[in-house]
Amino acid sequence: MRKTLALSLAVLAAGTATPALAQDTNGWGGFYVGVSGGYDILNDDSIDTVDFDNGNNGTYGDTVVTSTGANAFSPGFCGGSPTSTAPGTGCDGDDNEFSYSARLGYDIPVGDRMIVGLVGEAGITEIKDRVTAFSTTPASYTFTRDIDYTAAIRGRLGWGLDRGLVYFTGGWLHAKMDNRFESTNTANTFTQNNPKGWSEGFQAGGGAEYRISEGLSLGVEYLYNDISNGRYSVTVGQGTAGATNPFVLAGGVTMHPYEKDFSWHSLRAVANFRF
């Protein structure tokens, strides 16, 4: 991804230094500011699970067992929030929600039709991703993660068709994550590790614009978004639980969602103001 951005910067620099390239021969060159609004759809994680580290030694993939050696989480998992302490009653799904953003970009014409450019964007999305584990006690353990806001820098390669423009775009994505944990288990204690912070990833997609006047274009855009959220975990302590408690038998347990990547699809309407 860094190579892609570096190449885009190099092309921009070359275009700025070469008047022949910098001439706006297709009407799509120059600076623009824009806004977008749309809908974000999370990737399907209905088979998502929770991963366990027995003994808090940094190695995941363990099974938490009861005093009889049975799997303490044999009731299973669901990709959502629980409606009760048992998975048989079902789970509420993740929240696909609206998103909003503002952008600043610069395009350089290359020949009669092609443009290359860079765009920086800041946005807000209201999507929420959840996964729940169920124990035999019975109890539920729910991890929720959402995004406070995002920042992105993308390269852009497009093809101008008179008043129309189609383009591909991709680049670096930075997201401020907010992780939360809830459980109906009132005996053990739960300590969240790195619940908030920045996570990095990428965006890739494409779109189309139509210039309705000299300074205004309207369009649609699709982006695939993927960020890594692997630093968040929850450490389980003994609390008031007895010596036969599965978490105590394991010598302490740290757990986190098995799926570390947080990915979603964005469908947007875009308005760009060019000058």
Protein backbone atom coordinates (compact mmCIF):
# COMPACT_ATOMS: atom_id res chain seq x y z
CA MET A 1 0.00 0.00 0.00
CA ARG A 2 2.89 2.37 0.78
CA LYS A 3 4.32 1.64 -2.67
CA THR A 4 0.97 2.52 -4.25
CA LEU A 5 0.83 5.85 -2.42
CA ALA A 6 4.46 6.59 -3.24
CA LEU A 7 3.77 5.95 -6.93
CA SER A 8 0.75 8.26 -6.83
CA LEU A 9 2.83 10.99 -5.20
CA ALA A 10 5.53 10.56 -7.83
CA VAL A 11 3.01 10.89 -10.64
CA LEU A 12 1.55 14.00 -9.02
CA ALA A 13 4.99 15.54 -8.67
CA ALA A 14 5.79 14.80 -12.30
CA GLY A 15 2.51 16.31 -13.41
CA THR A 16 3.14 19.49 -11.43
CA ALA A 17 6.61 19.85 -12.89
CA THR A 18 5.49 19.24 -16.51
CA PRO A 19 3.13 21.90 -17.89
CA ALA A 20 2.05 19.63 -20.76
CA LEU A 21 0.63 17.13 -18.31
CA ALA A 22 -0.78 19.73 -15.95
CA GLN A 23 -3.03 21.33 -18.58
CA ASP A 24 -6.66 20.49 -17.83
CA THR A 25 -7.38 19.00 -21.25
CA ASN A 26 -10.32 16.88 -20.06
CA GLY A 27 -11.94 19.22 -17.54
CA TRP A 28 -11.28 17.04 -14.48
CA GLY A 29 -8.02 18.50 -13.21
CA GLY A 30 -7.38 20.66 -10.16
CA PHE A 31 -8.42 20.87 -6.53
CA TYR A 32 -11.80 19.86 -5.17
CA VAL A 33 -13.58 19.55 -1.85
CA GLY A 34 -16.45 17.18 -1.33
CA VAL A 35 -18.91 15.54 1.00
CA SER A 36 -20.44 12.09 0.97
CA GLY A 37 -23.18 10.18 2.70
CA GLY A 38 -24.11 6.55 2.46
CA TYR A 39 -24.60 3.20 4.09
CA ASP A 40 -22.01 0.85 5.60
CA ILE A 41 -22.51 -2.93 5.58
CA LEU A 42 -20.40 -5.20 7.78
CA ASN A 43 -18.95 -8.42 6.42
CA ASP A 44 -20.95 -11.47 7.49
CA ASP A 45 -19.45 -12.89 10.70
CA SER A 46 -22.25 -15.21 11.76
CA ILE A 47 -19.67 -17.95 12.43
CA ASP A 48 -17.41 -15.68 14.49
CA THR A 49 -16.08 -17.08 17.77
CA VAL A 50 -14.05 -16.04 20.81
CA ASP A 51 -10.42 -17.15 21.27
CA PHE A 52 -8.98 -18.11 24.69
CA ASP A 53 -5.49 -17.93 26.20
CA ASN A 54 -5.30 -20.14 29.30
CA GLY A 55 -2.68 -19.06 31.81
CA ASN A 56 -2.30 -15.64 30.16
CA ASN A 57 0.89 -16.71 28.39
CA GLY A 58 0.15 -14.99 25.08
CA THR A 59 -0.77 -18.18 23.21
CA TYR A 60 -4.38 -18.43 22.04
CA GLY A 61 -6.38 -21.39 20.78
CA ASP A 62 -6.99 -23.01 24.20
CA THR A 63 -10.16 -24.63 25.52
CA VAL A 64 -11.53 -23.51 28.89
CA VAL A 65 -12.75 -26.62 30.74
CA THR A 66 -14.87 -27.34 33.80
CA SER A 67 -13.77 -29.39 36.81
CA THR A 68 -15.01 -32.52 34.99
CA GLY A 69 -12.93 -31.75 31.89
CA ALA A 70 -15.88 -30.66 29.76
CA ASN A 71 -15.73 -27.63 27.47
CA ALA A 72 -17.01 -24.70 29.55
CA PHE A 73 -18.11 -22.94 26.34
CA SER A 74 -19.81 -25.91 24.69
CA PRO A 75 -23.09 -23.94 24.23
CA GLY A 76 -21.29 -22.08 21.46
CA PHE A 77 -20.97 -18.61 19.98
CA CYS A 78 -22.90 -16.16 17.82
CA GLY A 79 -21.96 -13.21 15.65
CA GLY A 80 -24.12 -10.68 17.46
CA SER A 81 -25.52 -9.69 20.86
CA PRO A 82 -27.45 -12.23 22.98
CA THR A 83 -31.18 -12.20 23.61
CA SER A 84 -30.64 -14.44 26.67
CA THR A 85 -27.85 -16.42 28.38
CA ALA A 86 -28.41 -19.34 25.98
CA PRO A 87 -27.64 -19.33 22.23
CA GLY A 88 -30.79 -21.31 21.43
CA THR A 89 -32.93 -18.18 21.73
CA GLY A 90 -30.91 -16.50 19.00
CA CYS A 91 -28.83 -13.34 18.75
CA ASP A 92 -29.43 -9.86 17.43
CA GLY A 93 -27.24 -9.19 14.42
CA ASP A 94 -24.61 -6.52 13.91
CA ASP A 95 -25.56 -2.93 13.14
CA ASN A 96 -25.23 -1.80 9.52
CA GLU A 97 -25.54 1.97 9.65
CA PHE A 98 -25.13 5.30 7.87
CA SER A 99 -21.80 7.04 7.32
CA TYR A 100 -20.71 10.58 6.48
CA SER A 101 -17.43 12.08 5.30
CA ALA A 102 -15.66 15.15 3.95
CA ARG A 103 -12.77 15.11 1.50
CA LEU A 104 -10.10 17.23 -0.16
CA GLY A 105 -8.42 16.08 -3.34
CA TYR A 106 -6.32 17.04 -6.34
CA ASP A 107 -6.44 15.51 -9.82
CA ILE A 108 -3.94 15.88 -12.66
CA PRO A 109 -4.93 15.22 -16.29
CA VAL A 110 -2.65 12.86 -18.21
CA GLY A 111 -3.42 13.18 -21.90
CA ASP A 112 -6.95 13.74 -23.16
CA ARG A 113 -8.80 11.28 -20.95
CA MET A 114 -6.84 9.95 -17.97
CA ILE A 115 -6.45 11.55 -14.55
CA VAL A 116 -4.31 10.63 -11.54
CA GLY A 117 -4.79 12.13 -8.11
CA LEU A 118 -4.76 11.96 -4.35
CA VAL A 119 -7.66 12.43 -1.95
CA GLY A 120 -7.68 12.83 1.82
CA GLU A 121 -10.86 12.06 3.73
CA ALA A 122 -12.24 12.19 7.28
CA GLY A 123 -15.45 10.44 8.19
CA ILE A 124 -17.87 9.02 10.75
CA THR A 125 -19.57 5.63 10.62
CA GLU A 126 -22.12 4.23 13.06
CA ILE A 127 -21.60 0.51 12.37
CA LYS A 128 -21.21 -1.90 15.31
CA ASP A 129 -19.75 -5.41 15.27
CA ARG A 130 -20.47 -7.93 18.06
CA VAL A 131 -19.59 -11.50 18.97
CA THR A 132 -20.88 -13.45 21.98
CA ALA A 133 -19.64 -16.57 23.78
CA PHE A 134 -21.95 -18.70 25.95
CA SER A 135 -20.77 -20.76 28.93
CA THR A 136 -22.43 -23.72 30.64
CA THR A 137 -23.04 -21.73 33.85
CA PRO A 138 -25.09 -20.35 31.94
CA ALA A 139 -23.67 -16.91 31.13
CA SER A 140 -22.98 -14.75 28.09
CA TYR A 141 -19.82 -12.79 27.21
CA THR A 142 -20.23 -10.12 24.53
CA PHE A 143 -17.54 -8.15 22.70
CA THR A 144 -18.68 -4.99 20.89
CA ARG A 145 -16.50 -2.85 18.65
CA ASP A 146 -17.34 0.28 16.74
CA ILE A 147 -15.54 3.20 15.14
CA ASP A 148 -15.53 6.75 16.46
CA TYR A 149 -14.15 8.22 13.21
CA THR A 150 -11.85 7.46 10.29
CA ALA A 151 -9.10 9.17 8.28
CA ALA A 152 -7.91 8.01 4.87
CA ILE A 153 -5.45 8.91 2.12
CA ARG A 154 -6.10 7.29 -1.24
CA GLY A 155 -4.65 7.37 -4.71
CA ARG A 156 -7.03 7.76 -7.64
CA LEU A 157 -6.82 6.69 -11.29
CA GLY A 158 -9.66 7.74 -13.56
CA TRP A 159 -10.90 8.00 -17.13
CA GLY A 160 -12.79 11.10 -18.22
CA LEU A 161 -15.68 10.87 -20.68
CA ASP A 162 -16.75 14.45 -21.43
CA ARG A 163 -18.96 15.23 -18.43
CA GLY A 164 -18.46 11.79 -16.89
CA LEU A 165 -15.58 10.25 -14.94
CA VAL A 166 -15.05 6.66 -13.82
CA TYR A 167 -12.20 5.84 -11.44
CA PHE A 168 -10.47 3.33 -9.23
CA THR A 169 -9.21 4.33 -5.80
CA GLY A 170 -7.26 2.76 -2.95
CA GLY A 171 -5.00 3.61 -0.06
CA TRP A 172 -4.37 3.83 3.66
CA LEU A 173 -7.12 3.86 6.31
CA HIS A 174 -6.81 4.93 9.95
CA ALA A 175 -9.69 4.34 12.40
CA LYS A 176 -10.30 5.32 16.03
CA MET A 177 -11.69 2.13 17.59
CA ASP A 178 -13.97 1.82 20.62
CA ASN A 179 -14.19 -1.69 22.16
CA ARG A 180 -16.56 -2.73 24.95
CA PHE A 181 -17.25 -5.91 26.92
CA GLU A 182 -20.34 -7.10 28.78
CA SER A 183 -21.08 -10.32 30.66
CA THR A 184 -23.88 -11.79 32.75
CA ASN A 185 -21.17 -13.56 34.80
CA THR A 186 -21.11 -11.65 38.11
CA ALA A 187 -18.61 -13.90 39.91
CA ASN A 188 -15.39 -13.33 37.96
CA THR A 189 -13.74 -9.98 37.29
CA PHE A 190 -13.03 -8.69 33.78
CA THR A 191 -10.25 -6.26 32.84
CA GLN A 192 -10.26 -4.72 29.36
CA ASN A 193 -6.89 -4.29 27.64
CA ASN A 194 -6.49 -1.55 24.99
CA PRO A 195 -10.22 -0.82 24.64
CA LYS A 196 -9.63 2.41 22.70
CA GLY A 197 -7.04 3.43 20.16
CA TRP A 198 -6.10 3.85 16.52
CA SER A 199 -6.02 0.91 14.13
CA GLU A 200 -4.65 0.84 10.59
CA GLY A 201 -5.80 -0.81 7.40
CA PHE A 202 -6.72 -0.07 3.80
CA GLN A 203 -9.53 1.00 1.47
CA ALA A 204 -10.09 -0.02 -2.15
CA GLY A 205 -12.90 0.57 -4.58
CA GLY A 206 -14.14 2.79 -7.35
CA GLY A 207 -16.80 5.18 -8.46
CA ALA A 208 -18.27 7.44 -11.09
CA GLU A 209 -18.94 11.19 -11.25
CA TYR A 210 -21.02 13.39 -13.54
CA ARG A 211 -20.24 17.10 -13.89
CA ILE A 212 -23.53 18.99 -13.78
CA SER A 213 -21.84 22.40 -13.91
CA GLU A 214 -18.36 23.87 -14.21
CA GLY A 215 -17.73 23.63 -10.47
CA LEU A 216 -19.97 20.80 -9.27
CA SER A 217 -20.00 17.06 -9.87
CA LEU A 218 -22.24 14.39 -8.36
CA GLY A 219 -21.40 10.73 -8.13
CA VAL A 220 -21.57 7.33 -6.51
CA GLU A 221 -18.75 5.40 -4.87
CA TYR A 222 -18.05 1.95 -3.46
CA LEU A 223 -15.25 1.24 -0.95
CA TYR A 224 -14.12 -1.96 0.73
CA ASN A 225 -12.64 -1.16 4.17
CA ASP A 226 -10.42 -3.39 6.29
CA ILE A 227 -8.62 -2.59 9.55
CA SER A 228 -6.77 -4.72 12.09
CA ASN A 229 -8.09 -4.61 15.66
CA GLY A 230 -5.87 -7.27 17.23
CA ARG A 231 -4.70 -5.45 20.35
CA TYR A 232 -7.97 -5.58 22.28
CA SER A 233 -8.55 -8.36 24.83
CA VAL A 234 -10.24 -9.07 28.17
CA THR A 235 -8.44 -10.70 31.11
CA VAL A 236 -10.60 -12.75 33.48
CA GLY A 237 -9.82 -12.74 37.20
CA GLN A 238 -11.11 -14.93 40.04
CA GLY A 239 -13.32 -12.36 41.75
CA THR A 240 -15.70 -14.16 44.11
CA ALA A 241 -15.61 -17.41 42.12
CA GLY A 242 -14.56 -20.63 43.81
CA ALA A 243 -11.55 -22.82 43.12
CA THR A 244 -13.50 -25.01 40.68
CA ASN A 245 -14.46 -22.08 38.46
CA PRO A 246 -13.26 -22.85 34.89
CA PHE A 247 -11.37 -19.55 34.60
CA VAL A 248 -9.64 -20.23 37.93
CA LEU A 249 -8.80 -23.82 36.96
CA ALA A 250 -7.12 -22.48 33.82
CA GLY A 251 -4.82 -20.26 35.89
CA GLY A 252 -6.48 -17.14 34.55
CA VAL A 253 -7.76 -16.55 31.03
CA THR A 254 -7.41 -13.78 28.45
CA MET A 255 -9.90 -13.75 25.59
CA HIS A 256 -10.66 -11.74 22.48
CA PRO A 257 -12.74 -12.05 19.29
CA TYR A 258 -11.22 -14.67 17.00
CA GLU A 259 -11.64 -12.41 13.97
CA LYS A 260 -9.15 -9.58 14.44
CA ASP A 261 -9.90 -7.79 11.18
CA PHE A 262 -12.82 -5.38 11.12
CA SER A 263 -14.09 -5.09 7.55
CA TRP A 264 -17.10 -3.51 5.87
CA HIS A 265 -18.49 -2.22 2.57
CA SER A 266 -19.39 1.44 1.96
CA LEU A 267 -21.97 2.59 -0.60
CA ARG A 268 -21.97 6.37 -1.01
CA ALA A 269 -23.41 9.34 -2.81
CA VAL A 270 -20.77 12.02 -3.40
CA ALA A 271 -20.82 15.75 -4.21
CA ASN A 272 -17.53 17.42 -5.20
CA PHE A 273 -16.99 21.15 -5.59
CA ARG A 274 -14.15 21.95 -7.99
CA PHE A 275 -12.06 25.08 -8.25
